[in-house]
C-alpha atoms as a PDB file:
ATOM      1  CA  MET A   1     -87.801  42.768  37.180  1.00  0.00           C
ATOM      2  CA  LYS A   2     -86.468  45.845  37.912  1.00  0.00           C
ATOM      3  CA  LYS A   3     -84.027  48.139  35.202  1.00  0.00           C
ATOM      4  CA  ASP A   4     -81.353  48.288  37.779  1.00  0.00           C
ATOM      5  CA  ASP A   5     -81.739  44.228  38.513  1.00  0.00           C
ATOM      6  CA  LYS A   6     -81.025  43.569  34.646  1.00  0.00           C
ATOM      7  CA  ALA A   7     -78.042  46.107  34.796  1.00  0.00           C
ATOM      8  CA  SER A   8     -76.552  44.437  37.714  1.00  0.00           C
ATOM      9  CA  ILE A   9     -77.098  41.115  35.769  1.00  0.00           C
ATOM     10  CA  SER A  10     -75.403  42.557  32.789  1.00  0.00           C
ATOM     11  CA  LEU A  11     -72.226  43.951  34.465  1.00  0.00           C
ATOM     12  CA  LYS A  12     -71.514  40.856  36.364  1.00  0.00           C
ATOM     13  CA  LYS A  13     -71.555  38.714  32.358  1.00  0.00           C
ATOM     14  CA  VAL A  14     -68.803  41.804  31.353  1.00  0.00           C
ATOM     15  CA  ILE A  15     -66.444  40.902  34.413  1.00  0.00           C
ATOM     16  CA  SER A  16     -66.594  37.139  34.068  1.00  0.00           C
ATOM     17  CA  VAL A  17     -65.978  36.923  30.627  1.00  0.00           C
ATOM     18  CA  SER A  18     -63.073  39.500  31.446  1.00  0.00           C
ATOM     19  CA  ILE A  19     -61.869  37.463  33.743  1.00  0.00           C
ATOM     20  CA  ALA A  20     -61.875  34.410  31.858  1.00  0.00           C
ATOM     21  CA  LEU A  21     -59.816  35.958  28.882  1.00  0.00           C
ATOM     22  CA  LEU A  22     -57.404  37.271  31.054  1.00  0.00           C
ATOM     23  CA  LEU A  23     -56.921  33.369  32.438  1.00  0.00           C
ATOM     24  CA  PHE A  24     -56.774  32.340  28.635  1.00  0.00           C
ATOM     25  CA  MET A  25     -54.179  35.049  28.211  1.00  0.00           C
ATOM     26  CA  GLY A  26     -52.136  34.341  30.906  1.00  0.00           C
ATOM     27  CA  ILE A  27     -51.684  30.259  29.833  1.00  0.00           C
ATOM     28  CA  SER A  28     -51.268  31.341  26.196  1.00  0.00           C
ATOM     29  CA  VAL A  29     -48.036  33.740  27.193  1.00  0.00           C
ATOM     30  CA  MET A  30     -47.307  31.130  30.173  1.00  0.00           C
ATOM     31  CA  ALA A  31     -47.476  27.773  26.938  1.00  0.00           C
ATOM     32  CA  VAL A  32     -45.521  30.798  24.792  1.00  0.00           C
ATOM     33  CA  ASN A  33     -42.760  31.159  27.470  1.00  0.00           C
ATOM     34  CA  SER A  34     -42.039  28.031  27.753  1.00  0.00           C
ATOM     35  CA  LYS A  35     -40.911  25.957  24.905  1.00  0.00           C
ATOM     36  CA  VAL A  36     -41.287  22.493  24.607  1.00  0.00           C
ATOM     37  CA  ASN A  37     -38.365  19.843  24.068  1.00  0.00           C
ATOM     38  CA  ASN A  38     -38.218  16.497  22.937  1.00  0.00           C
ATOM     39  CA  VAL A  39     -34.994  15.415  24.212  1.00  0.00           C
ATOM     40  CA  LYS A  40     -33.209  11.839  23.837  1.00  0.00           C
ATOM     41  CA  ILE A  41     -31.998   9.741  26.758  1.00  0.00           C
ATOM     42  CA  ILE A  42     -29.602   7.275  26.435  1.00  0.00           C
ATOM     43  CA  LEU A  43     -28.657   5.169  29.287  1.00  0.00           C
ATOM     44  CA  SER A  44     -25.391   3.864  29.957  1.00  0.00           C
ATOM     45  CA  ASP A  45     -26.903   0.261  29.458  1.00  0.00           C
ATOM     46  CA  GLY A  46     -27.725   1.455  25.499  1.00  0.00           C
ATOM     47  CA  TYR A  47     -31.148   1.631  26.107  1.00  0.00           C
ATOM     48  CA  GLU A  48     -32.875   5.032  24.581  1.00  0.00           C
ATOM     49  CA  MET A  49     -35.944   6.527  25.798  1.00  0.00           C
ATOM     50  CA  GLU A  50     -37.642   9.996  24.035  1.00  0.00           C
ATOM     51  CA  VAL A  51     -39.139  12.713  26.391  1.00  0.00           C
ATOM     52  CA  LEU A  52     -41.391  15.713  26.282  1.00  0.00           C
ATOM     53  CA  THR A  53     -40.150  18.125  28.761  1.00  0.00           C
ATOM     54  CA  THR A  54     -40.175  22.187  28.833  1.00  0.00           C
ATOM     55  CA  LYS A  55     -37.299  21.900  31.677  1.00  0.00           C
ATOM     56  CA  GLU A  56     -33.596  23.051  29.920  1.00  0.00           C
ATOM     57  CA  LYS A  57     -31.751  21.963  32.956  1.00  0.00           C
ATOM     58  CA  VAL A  58     -30.097  18.035  32.761  1.00  0.00           C
ATOM     59  CA  SER A  59     -30.794  17.236  36.521  1.00  0.00           C
ATOM     60  CA  ASP A  60     -34.210  18.471  36.237  1.00  0.00           C
ATOM     61  CA  ILE A  61     -35.275  16.385  33.226  1.00  0.00           C
ATOM     62  CA  LEU A  62     -33.397  13.240  35.073  1.00  0.00           C
ATOM     63  CA  ASN A  63     -35.580  14.325  38.289  1.00  0.00           C
ATOM     64  CA  ASP A  64     -38.783  14.639  36.381  1.00  0.00           C
ATOM     65  CA  ASN A  65     -38.629  11.085  34.891  1.00  0.00           C
ATOM     66  CA  HIS A  66     -37.391   9.468  37.977  1.00  0.00           C
ATOM     67  CA  ILE A  67     -33.906   8.444  36.257  1.00  0.00           C
ATOM     68  CA  ILE A  68     -31.256   8.220  39.324  1.00  0.00           C
ATOM     69  CA  LEU A  69     -27.368   8.243  38.374  1.00  0.00           C
ATOM     70  CA  LEU A  70     -25.403   5.408  39.749  1.00  0.00           C
ATOM     71  CA  PRO A  71     -22.220   6.562  41.868  1.00  0.00           C
ATOM     72  CA  GLU A  72     -20.227   5.362  38.432  1.00  0.00           C
ATOM     73  CA  GLU A  73     -21.881   6.530  36.027  1.00  0.00           C
ATOM     74  CA  GLN A  74     -21.437   9.789  34.717  1.00  0.00           C
ATOM     75  CA  VAL A  75     -24.111  12.535  32.694  1.00  0.00           C
ATOM     76  CA  ILE A  76     -23.237  13.990  29.375  1.00  0.00           C
ATOM     77  CA  PRO A  77     -23.728  17.421  29.585  1.00  0.00           C
ATOM     78  CA  GLY A  78     -23.737  17.092  33.398  1.00  0.00           C
ATOM     79  CA  LEU A  79     -26.307  17.606  35.692  1.00  0.00           C
ATOM     80  CA  ASP A  80     -25.736  21.657  36.630  1.00  0.00           C
ATOM     81  CA  SER A  81     -25.603  22.085  32.498  1.00  0.00           C
ATOM     82  CA  ASN A  82     -28.399  22.700  30.221  1.00  0.00           C
ATOM     83  CA  ILE A  83     -29.444  20.330  27.377  1.00  0.00           C
ATOM     84  CA  SER A  84     -27.137  20.896  24.079  1.00  0.00           C
ATOM     85  CA  ASP A  85     -28.185  21.735  21.178  1.00  0.00           C
ATOM     86  CA  ASN A  86     -28.272  18.003  19.712  1.00  0.00           C
ATOM     87  CA  LYS A  87     -31.088  17.658  22.637  1.00  0.00           C
ATOM     88  CA  THR A  88     -29.168  14.891  23.748  1.00  0.00           C
ATOM     89  CA  ILE A  89     -28.557  13.358  27.175  1.00  0.00           C
ATOM     90  CA  ARG A  90     -26.239  10.740  27.746  1.00  0.00           C
ATOM     91  CA  ILE A  91     -26.153   8.689  31.086  1.00  0.00           C
ATOM     92  CA  THR A  92     -22.097   6.423  30.271  1.00  0.00           C
ATOM     93  CA  THR A  93     -19.167   4.809  32.585  1.00  0.00           C
ATOM     94  CA  ASP A  94     -16.224   5.234  29.814  1.00  0.00           C
ATOM     95  CA  ASN A  95     -13.951   7.815  31.349  1.00  0.00           C
ATOM     96  CA  ASP A  96     -11.003   6.906  28.919  1.00  0.00           C
ATOM     97  CA  LEU A  97     -11.032   9.365  26.017  1.00  0.00           C
ATOM     98  CA  THR A  98      -8.306  11.265  23.764  1.00  0.00           C
ATOM     99  CA  VAL A  99      -8.822  13.510  21.156  1.00  0.00           C
ATOM    100  CA  LYS A 100      -6.712  14.493  18.029  1.00  0.00           C
ATOM    101  CA  VAL A 101      -7.043  18.081  16.999  1.00  0.00           C
ATOM    102  CA  SER A 102      -5.056  19.602  14.380  1.00  0.00           C
ATOM    103  CA  GLU A 103      -2.802  16.104  14.279  1.00  0.00           C
ATOM    104  CA  GLU A 104      -1.850  16.276  17.704  1.00  0.00           C
ATOM    105  CA  VAL A 105      -2.643  14.023  20.283  1.00  0.00           C
ATOM    106  CA  VAL A 106      -4.386  16.017  23.861  1.00  0.00           C
ATOM    107  CA  ASP A 107      -4.514  13.510  26.625  1.00  0.00           C
ATOM    108  CA  SER A 108      -7.878  12.786  28.107  1.00  0.00           C
ATOM    109  CA  SER A 109      -7.064  15.511  31.287  1.00  0.00           C
ATOM    110  CA  GLU A 110      -6.778  18.072  29.139  1.00  0.00           C
ATOM    111  CA  ILE A 111      -9.987  17.085  26.946  1.00  0.00           C
ATOM    112  CA  THR A 112     -12.606  15.569  28.624  1.00  0.00           C
ATOM    113  CA  ALA A 113     -15.032  12.378  27.990  1.00  0.00           C
ATOM    114  CA  GLU A 114     -17.735  15.358  29.115  1.00  0.00           C
ATOM    115  CA  LYS A 115     -16.939  17.395  26.885  1.00  0.00           C
ATOM    116  CA  LEU A 116     -15.970  15.091  23.465  1.00  0.00           C
ATOM    117  CA  LEU A 117     -19.421  13.120  23.269  1.00  0.00           C
ATOM    118  CA  ALA A 118     -21.303  16.432  23.831  1.00  0.00           C
ATOM    119  CA  GLU A 119     -19.779  17.612  20.836  1.00  0.00           C
ATOM    120  CA  ASN A 120     -20.283  14.713  18.942  1.00  0.00           C
ATOM    121  CA  TYR A 121     -20.694  11.572  20.561  1.00  0.00           C
ATOM    122  CA  ASP A 122     -22.091   9.784  17.450  1.00  0.00           C
ATOM    123  CA  ASN A 123     -19.324   9.752  15.594  1.00  0.00           C
ATOM    124  CA  ILE A 124     -17.045   7.576  17.187  1.00  0.00           C
ATOM    125  CA  VAL A 125     -15.836   4.671  15.604  1.00  0.00           C
ATOM    126  CA  GLU A 126     -13.537   1.793  16.909  1.00  0.00           C
ATOM    127  CA  LYS A 127     -11.406  -0.329  14.384  1.00  0.00           C
ATOM    128  CA  ILE A 128      -8.876  -3.036  14.465  1.00  0.00           C
ATOM    129  CA  VAL A 129      -5.929  -2.107  12.625  1.00  0.00           C
ATOM    130  CA  VAL A 130      -2.850  -3.939  11.497  1.00  0.00           C
ATOM    131  CA  GLU A 131      -0.016  -2.794  10.334  1.00  0.00           C
ATOM    132  CA  GLU A 132       3.769  -3.755   8.865  1.00  0.00           C
ATOM    133  CA  THR A 133       6.984  -2.262   9.607  1.00  0.00           C
ATOM    134  CA  ALA A 134      10.468  -2.794   8.172  1.00  0.00           C
ATOM    135  CA  ILE A 135      12.930  -4.164  10.892  1.00  0.00           C
ATOM    136  CA  PRO A 136      16.432  -2.702   8.731  1.00  0.00           C
ATOM    137  CA  PHE A 137      18.999  -5.679   8.372  1.00  0.00           C
ATOM    138  CA  GLU A 138      22.704  -5.222  10.054  1.00  0.00           C
ATOM    139  CA  THR A 139      25.828  -4.939   8.256  1.00  0.00           C
ATOM    140  CA  GLU A 140      28.883  -7.252   9.217  1.00  0.00           C
ATOM    141  CA  LYS A 141      32.577  -7.175   7.953  1.00  0.00           C
ATOM    142  CA  LYS A 142      35.003  -9.452   8.279  1.00  0.00           C
ATOM    143  CA  ASP A 143      39.229  -8.417   7.189  1.00  0.00           C
ATOM    144  CA  VAL A 144      40.763 -11.378   5.716  1.00  0.00           C
ATOM    145  CA  SER A 145      42.840  -9.491   3.695  1.00  0.00           C
ATOM    146  CA  THR A 146      46.848  -9.833   4.339  1.00  0.00           C
ATOM    147  CA  GLY A 147      47.001  -5.653   5.650  1.00  0.00           C
ATOM    148  CA  LYS A 148      49.075  -4.856   2.548  1.00  0.00           C
ATOM    149  CA  GLY A 149      48.206  -2.975  -0.408  1.00  0.00           C
ATOM    150  CA  ASP A 150      44.867  -2.354  -2.002  1.00  0.00           C
ATOM    151  CA  LYS A 151      41.854  -3.652  -0.587  1.00  0.00           C
ATOM    152  CA  LYS A 152      38.380  -4.451  -1.617  1.00  0.00           C
ATOM    153  CA  GLU A 153      35.117  -5.298   0.100  1.00  0.00           C
ATOM    154  CA  VAL A 154      32.938  -8.355  -1.296  1.00  0.00           C
ATOM    155  CA  ILE A 155      29.904  -9.089  -0.444  1.00  0.00           C
ATOM    156  CA  THR A 156      29.958 -13.063   0.554  1.00  0.00           C
ATOM    157  CA  GLN A 157      25.566 -12.690   2.050  1.00  0.00           C
ATOM    158  CA  LYS A 158      22.827 -10.050   0.677  1.00  0.00           C
ATOM    159  CA  GLY A 159      21.142  -8.295   3.734  1.00  0.00           C
ATOM    160  CA  VAL A 160      17.467  -8.283   3.764  1.00  0.00           C
ATOM    161  CA  ASP A 161      14.948  -6.450   6.204  1.00  0.00           C
ATOM    162  CA  GLY A 162      12.423  -7.628   8.118  1.00  0.00           C
ATOM    163  CA  VAL A 163       8.736  -7.522   8.984  1.00  0.00           C
ATOM    164  CA  LYS A 164       7.038  -7.085  12.596  1.00  0.00           C
ATOM    165  CA  LYS A 165       3.476  -6.420  11.913  1.00  0.00           C
ATOM    166  CA  THR A 166       1.806  -4.794  15.213  1.00  0.00           C
ATOM    167  CA  THR A 167      -2.042  -4.973  15.763  1.00  0.00           C
ATOM    168  CA  TYR A 168      -3.605  -1.726  17.387  1.00  0.00           C
ATOM    169  CA  LYS A 169      -6.906  -0.585  18.418  1.00  0.00           C
ATOM    170  CA  VAL A 170      -7.907   2.394  16.526  1.00  0.00           C
ATOM    171  CA  LYS A 171     -10.406   5.211  17.554  1.00  0.00           C
ATOM    172  CA  TYR A 172     -11.646   7.330  14.828  1.00  0.00           C
ATOM    173  CA  GLN A 173     -13.826  10.986  15.228  1.00  0.00           C
ATOM    174  CA  ASN A 174     -15.518  11.986  11.966  1.00  0.00           C
ATOM    175  CA  ASP A 175     -12.967  10.181  10.663  1.00  0.00           C
ATOM    176  CA  GLN A 176      -9.977  11.476  12.045  1.00  0.00           C
ATOM    177  CA  GLU A 177      -7.797   9.363  14.420  1.00  0.00           C
ATOM    178  CA  ILE A 178      -8.130  10.200  18.405  1.00  0.00           C
ATOM    179  CA  SER A 179      -5.938   7.270  20.017  1.00  0.00           C
ATOM    180  CA  LYS A 180      -4.398   4.198  19.191  1.00  0.00           C
ATOM    181  CA  ASN A 181      -3.485   1.301  21.231  1.00  0.00           C
ATOM    182  CA  GLU A 182      -1.146  -1.808  20.737  1.00  0.00           C
ATOM    183  CA  ILE A 183      -2.928  -5.142  20.843  1.00  0.00           C
ATOM    184  CA  SER A 184       0.339  -7.613  19.603  1.00  0.00           C
ATOM    185  CA  SER A 185       2.715  -7.380  17.814  1.00  0.00           C
ATOM    186  CA  GLU A 186       5.078 -10.043  16.186  1.00  0.00           C
ATOM    187  CA  ILE A 187       8.350 -10.858  13.919  1.00  0.00           C
ATOM    188  CA  THR A 188       6.597 -12.437  10.884  1.00  0.00           C
ATOM    189  CA  LYS A 189       9.989 -12.297   8.915  1.00  0.00           C
ATOM    190  CA  GLN A 190      13.845 -12.184  10.665  1.00  0.00           C
ATOM    191  CA  PRO A 191      16.443  -9.921   9.185  1.00  0.00           C
ATOM    192  CA  ILE A 192      19.449 -11.331   7.260  1.00  0.00           C
ATOM    193  CA  THR A 193      22.572 -10.070   7.691  1.00  0.00           C
ATOM    194  CA  LYS A 194      24.830  -8.204   5.513  1.00  0.00           C
ATOM    195  CA  LYS A 195      28.241  -9.253   5.152  1.00  0.00           C
ATOM    196  CA  VAL A 196      30.830  -8.165   3.509  1.00  0.00           C
ATOM    197  CA  GLU A 197      34.613  -9.308   3.669  1.00  0.00           C
ATOM    198  CA  ILE A 198      37.561  -6.569   2.919  1.00  0.00           C
ATOM    199  CA  ARG A 199      39.836  -8.584   0.583  1.00  0.00           C
ATOM    200  CA  ASP A 200      42.810  -8.200  -1.561  1.00  0.00           C
ATOM    201  CA  ASN A 201      42.403  -6.519  -4.485  1.00  0.00           C
ATOM    202  CA  GLN A 202      44.308  -8.561  -7.087  1.00  0.00           C
ATOM    203  CA  VAL A 203      44.443  -6.956 -10.351  1.00  0.00           C
ATOM    204  CA  VAL A 204      43.330  -9.561 -13.121  1.00  0.00           C
ATOM    205  CA  SER A 205      44.785  -8.940 -16.655  1.00  0.00           C
ATOM    206  CA  ARG A 206      41.915  -8.761 -19.044  1.00  0.00           C
ATOM    207  CA  ALA A 207      44.130 -11.279 -21.539  1.00  0.00           C
ATOM    208  CA  ILE A 208      43.929 -13.972 -18.705  1.00  0.00           C
ATOM    209  CA  VAL A 209      39.806 -13.078 -18.337  1.00  0.00           C
ATOM    210  CA  GLU A 210      39.511 -13.884 -21.986  1.00  0.00           C
ATOM    211  CA  ARG A 211      41.932 -17.159 -22.021  1.00  0.00           C
ATOM    212  CA  THR A 212      39.943 -18.349 -19.433  1.00  0.00           C
ATOM    213  CA  ALA A 213      36.404 -17.601 -21.083  1.00  0.00           C
ATOM    214  CA  VAL A 214      37.839 -19.430 -24.378  1.00  0.00           C
ATOM    215  CA  GLN A 215      38.983 -22.051 -22.272  1.00  0.00           C
ATOM    216  CA  GLY A 216      35.608 -22.939 -20.808  1.00  0.00           C
ATOM    217  CA  SER A 217      33.767 -21.936 -23.955  1.00  0.00           C
ATOM    218  CA  THR A 218      35.628 -24.906 -25.831  1.00  0.00           C
ATOM    219  CA  GLU A 219      34.392 -27.698 -23.350  1.00  0.00           C
ATOM    220  CA  VAL A 220      30.765 -26.265 -23.807  1.00  0.00           C
ATOM    221  CA  ALA A 221      31.063 -26.610 -27.269  1.00  0.00           C
ATOM    222  CA  ALA A 222      32.594 -30.332 -27.144  1.00  0.00           C
ATOM    223  CA  ASN A 223      29.969 -31.437 -24.261  1.00  0.00           C
ATOM    224  CA  ALA A 224      26.801 -29.748 -26.016  1.00  0.00           C
ATOM    225  CA  ALA A 225      28.037 -31.164 -29.874  1.00  0.00           C
ATOM    226  CA  ALA A 226      28.004 -34.572 -27.776  1.00  0.00           C
ATOM    227  CA  ASN A 227      24.312 -34.360 -25.897  1.00  0.00           C
ATOM    228  CA  GLY A 228      22.914 -33.369 -30.138  1.00  0.00           C
ATOM    229  CA  ASN A 229      23.286 -29.804 -30.330  1.00  0.00           C
ATOM    230  CA  SER A 230      23.709 -28.761 -34.074  1.00  0.00           C
ATOM    231  CA  LEU A 231      25.439 -26.015 -33.872  1.00  0.00           C
ATOM    232  CA  ALA A 232      27.849 -26.550 -30.796  1.00  0.00           C
ATOM    233  CA  ALA A 233      28.349 -29.569 -33.220  1.00  0.00           C
ATOM    234  CA  LYS A 234      29.621 -26.881 -36.039  1.00  0.00           C
ATOM    235  CA  VAL A 235      31.699 -25.011 -34.281  1.00  0.00           C
ATOM    236  CA  GLU A 236      33.509 -28.122 -32.144  1.00  0.00           C
ATOM    237  CA  GLY A 237      36.939 -27.208 -31.892  1.00  0.00           C
ATOM    238  CA  LYS A 238      37.371 -23.723 -32.788  1.00  0.00           C
ATOM    239  CA  THR A 239      38.420 -20.502 -30.886  1.00  0.00           C
ATOM    240  CA  PRO A 240      35.642 -17.604 -30.096  1.00  0.00           C
ATOM    241  CA  SER A 241      36.007 -14.509 -29.610  1.00  0.00           C
ATOM    242  CA  VAL A 242      34.721 -13.130 -25.795  1.00  0.00           C
ATOM    243  CA  VAL A 243      32.462  -9.751 -26.063  1.00  0.00           C
ATOM    244  CA  THR A 244      30.584  -8.348 -24.223  1.00  0.00           C
ATOM    245  CA  LEU A 245      27.064  -7.082 -25.744  1.00  0.00           C
ATOM    246  CA  ASN A 246      24.029  -5.281 -25.376  1.00  0.00           C
ATOM    247  CA  VAL A 247      21.056  -8.002 -25.498  1.00  0.00           C
ATOM    248  CA  SER A 248      17.463  -7.781 -26.152  1.00  0.00           C
ATOM    249  CA  ALA A 249      14.291  -9.274 -27.529  1.00  0.00           C
ATOM    250  CA  TYR A 250      11.721  -9.157 -30.388  1.00  0.00           C
ATOM    251  CA  THR A 251       9.303 -11.065 -32.306  1.00  0.00           C
ATOM    252  CA  ALA A 252       7.250 -11.116 -35.342  1.00  0.00           C
ATOM    253  CA  SER A 253       4.776  -9.128 -34.108  1.00  0.00           C
ATOM    254  CA  THR A 254       7.229  -6.056 -33.102  1.00  0.00           C
ATOM    255  CA  CYS A 255       8.487  -6.404 -37.099  1.00  0.00           C
ATOM    256  CA  GLY A 256       6.575  -3.852 -38.066  1.00  0.00           C
ATOM    257  CA  LYS A 257       4.246  -6.529 -40.804  1.00  0.00           C
ATOM    258  CA  ALA A 258       0.483  -7.529 -39.927  1.00  0.00           C
ATOM    259  CA  SER A 259       0.097 -11.403 -39.585  1.00  0.00           C
ATOM    260  CA  GLY A 260      -0.489 -13.227 -42.778  1.00  0.00           C
ATOM    261  CA  SER A 261       0.612  -9.988 -44.725  1.00  0.00           C
ATOM    262  CA  ALA A 262       3.769 -11.055 -46.716  1.00  0.00           C
ATOM    263  CA  GLY A 263       7.271 -11.793 -45.450  1.00  0.00           C
ATOM    264  CA  TYR A 264       5.632 -11.836 -41.745  1.00  0.00           C
ATOM    265  CA  GLY A 265       8.222 -13.535 -39.940  1.00  0.00           C
ATOM    266  CA  ARG A 266      10.880 -14.011 -42.601  1.00  0.00           C
ATOM    267  CA  THR A 267      14.428 -12.537 -41.385  1.00  0.00           C
ATOM    268  CA  ALA A 268      16.474 -10.595 -43.762  1.00  0.00           C
ATOM    269  CA  SER A 269      18.825 -14.111 -44.829  1.00  0.00           C
ATOM    270  CA  GLY A 270      15.730 -15.348 -45.766  1.00  0.00           C
ATOM    271  CA  ALA A 271      14.612 -17.750 -43.560  1.00  0.00           C
ATOM    272  CA  TYR A 272      11.237 -17.610 -41.510  1.00  0.00           C
ATOM    273  CA  ALA A 273      13.013 -16.896 -37.454  1.00  0.00           C
ATOM    274  CA  SER A 274      12.798 -19.242 -34.715  1.00  0.00           C
ATOM    275  CA  ALA A 275      12.469 -18.780 -31.118  1.00  0.00           C
ATOM    276  CA  TRP A 276      15.330 -19.787 -29.081  1.00  0.00           C
ATOM    277  CA  TYR A 277      17.825 -20.102 -32.397  1.00  0.00           C
ATOM    278  CA  THR A 278      17.475 -16.775 -34.657  1.00  0.00           C
ATOM    279  CA  VAL A 279      19.541 -13.784 -33.789  1.00  0.00           C
ATOM    280  CA  ALA A 280      19.611 -10.294 -34.852  1.00  0.00           C
ATOM    281  CA  ALA A 281      23.400  -8.512 -35.381  1.00  0.00           C
ATOM    282  CA  GLY A 282      25.183  -6.222 -36.962  1.00  0.00           C
ATOM    283  CA  LYS A 283      26.661  -6.299 -40.558  1.00  0.00           C
ATOM    284  CA  GLY A 284      29.890  -6.979 -38.877  1.00  0.00           C
ATOM    285  CA  TYR A 285      28.690 -10.877 -37.969  1.00  0.00           C
ATOM    286  CA  PRO A 286      28.491 -12.098 -41.199  1.00  0.00           C
ATOM    287  CA  PHE A 287      24.374 -14.517 -41.539  1.00  0.00           C
ATOM    288  CA  GLY A 288      25.656 -17.672 -40.414  1.00  0.00           C
ATOM    289  CA  THR A 289      27.497 -16.730 -37.391  1.00  0.00           C
ATOM    290  CA  ILE A 290      26.626 -18.952 -33.974  1.00  0.00           C
ATOM    291  CA  ILE A 291      26.919 -17.198 -30.952  1.00  0.00           C
ATOM    292  CA  TYR A 292      26.254 -18.685 -27.600  1.00  0.00           C
ATOM    293  CA  ILE A 293      25.625 -17.071 -24.658  1.00  0.00           C
ATOM    294  CA  PRO A 294      26.136 -18.952 -21.042  1.00  0.00           C
ATOM    295  CA  TYR A 295      23.343 -16.752 -19.337  1.00  0.00           C
ATOM    296  CA  PHE A 296      20.449 -18.526 -21.662  1.00  0.00           C
ATOM    297  CA  ALA A 297      22.440 -22.301 -21.005  1.00  0.00           C
ATOM    298  CA  ASN A 298      19.554 -23.602 -18.863  1.00  0.00           C
ATOM    299  CA  MET A 299      17.376 -22.649 -22.302  1.00  0.00           C
ATOM    300  CA  PRO A 300      16.295 -25.524 -24.379  1.00  0.00           C
ATOM    301  CA  ASN A 301      18.774 -23.950 -26.926  1.00  0.00           C
ATOM    302  CA  GLY A 302      21.393 -24.983 -24.395  1.00  0.00           C
ATOM    303  CA  GLY A 303      22.435 -21.245 -24.949  1.00  0.00           C
ATOM    304  CA  TRP A 304      23.830 -21.193 -28.478  1.00  0.00           C
ATOM    305  CA  PHE A 305      22.181 -19.099 -31.411  1.00  0.00           C
ATOM    306  CA  VAL A 306      22.729 -18.140 -34.970  1.00  0.00           C
ATOM    307  CA  VAL A 307      22.362 -14.969 -36.940  1.00  0.00           C
ATOM    308  CA  GLN A 308      19.658 -14.826 -39.895  1.00  0.00           C
ATOM    309  CA  ASP A 309      18.792 -11.110 -38.853  1.00  0.00           C
ATOM    310  CA  ARG A 310      19.364  -7.510 -39.215  1.00  0.00           C
ATOM    311  CA  GLY A 311      17.374  -4.449 -37.559  1.00  0.00           C
ATOM    312  CA  GLY A 312      17.890  -1.016 -37.743  1.00  0.00           C
ATOM    313  CA  ALA A 313      18.701  -0.537 -34.559  1.00  0.00           C
ATOM    314  CA  ILE A 314      20.599  -2.875 -33.947  1.00  0.00           C
ATOM    315  CA  SER A 315      24.839  -2.242 -34.951  1.00  0.00           C
ATOM    316  CA  ASN A 316      27.986  -4.519 -34.174  1.00  0.00           C
ATOM    317  CA  ALA A 317      27.608  -3.588 -30.592  1.00  0.00           C
ATOM    318  CA  LYS A 318      23.501  -4.717 -29.666  1.00  0.00           C
ATOM    319  CA  LEU A 319      22.603  -8.315 -30.064  1.00  0.00           C
ATOM    320  CA  ASP A 320      18.466  -8.736 -30.843  1.00  0.00           C
ATOM    321  CA  ILE A 321      16.931 -12.460 -29.852  1.00  0.00           C
ATOM    322  CA  TYR A 322      13.798 -13.495 -31.387  1.00  0.00           C
ATOM    323  CA  MET A 323      11.136 -14.767 -28.914  1.00  0.00           C
ATOM    324  CA  ALA A 324       8.012 -16.494 -29.736  1.00  0.00           C
ATOM    325  CA  THR A 325       5.656 -14.175 -27.640  1.00  0.00           C
ATOM    326  CA  LEU A 326       5.801 -10.284 -26.379  1.00  0.00           C
ATOM    327  CA  SER A 327       5.594 -10.717 -22.660  1.00  0.00           C
ATOM    328  CA  GLU A 328       8.790 -12.319 -23.156  1.00  0.00           C
ATOM    329  CA  CYS A 329      10.475 -10.127 -25.132  1.00  0.00           C
ATOM    330  CA  LYS A 330       9.436  -7.462 -22.009  1.00  0.00           C
ATOM    331  CA  ASN A 331      10.587 -10.109 -19.285  1.00  0.00           C
ATOM    332  CA  PHE A 332      13.858 -10.336 -20.607  1.00  0.00           C
ATOM    333  CA  GLY A 333      14.042  -6.413 -21.460  1.00  0.00           C
ATOM    334  CA  ARG A 334      17.801  -5.639 -22.104  1.00  0.00           C
ATOM    335  CA  ASN A 335      20.843  -7.026 -20.789  1.00  0.00           C
ATOM    336  CA  ASN A 336      24.465  -6.403 -21.184  1.00  0.00           C
ATOM    337  CA  LEU A 337      25.723 -10.323 -21.803  1.00  0.00           C
ATOM    338  CA  GLN A 338      29.194 -11.841 -22.204  1.00  0.00           C
ATOM    339  CA  CYS A 339      29.270 -13.744 -25.692  1.00  0.00           C
ATOM    340  CA  TYR A 340      31.428 -15.879 -27.674  1.00  0.00           C
ATOM    341  CA  VAL A 341      31.228 -15.663 -31.503  1.00  0.00           C
ATOM    342  CA  TYR A 342      32.062 -17.873 -33.706  1.00  0.00           C
ATOM    343  CA  VAL A 343      32.644 -16.123 -36.953  1.00  0.00           C
ATOM    344  CA  PRO A 344      32.429 -18.565 -40.392  1.00  0.00           C
END
């Protein structure tokens, strides 16, 4: 082989290798410039598929995967849009969405379903919520006075609010309410009308009130004595004094002594305290004073007590009733009650 032929063959090899390198570099540049995306496509029936594509435009991606929209369907983002950052294309038929922004409800005509779903469709939750609201009662007044002198209003029937129960379908996005539609409602409790009568203001003297109370207590004592109440029997026929005292309650555990210790449960009179029998009173009421309290007439003792104890916070205007348990004391609390006092 001649020297010129060898040189020609070498030149051809160099040109072939150079062309191959240029082709390879061009393909590499194209590959670098064409970014491959992993795109999720969600169909309107809920079916999901993932595809690999270098396309950015929604319509191109759908065409490459042979997906054709039906007349009632729409695509999020739009056909002429590029895919969003979440790399998701959703095909939907839902056009009835509203969104709540900065505590204000915005109609779907202002913020479209396309925009809402494109931003974050996965965070929409729908719940059934039941709410109860009060129905205010009405007040009915009736004038039964003679039309002369002072008047006063007397409540003959207390007013009570009613209750209305309403069921809503509520949609939330990112835990924020975006729509709320009423499904049903019903009144579960009818309101009760407050009734008030306007009457003549008749002034009754304290002497009349006390005299009437004393007469009533005398009959009560006689009846209680006849039914075997030993305290009532002791004062039968006697006239009590009628006073209003601030009444509270106590039990052995509230007296500052430990259970089982000396003097636990023993009163200042020396007797052991007995529930619904013993009371602590001020020094103006000697030990053995019998007190009838109509407020407790339905209790086992019929409302009859005897003074057997004192107390550091007990004065002549206060009374402390001994009860069996601390829960009974707490439930009773403190009340101003009318008392009939029989001092020995």
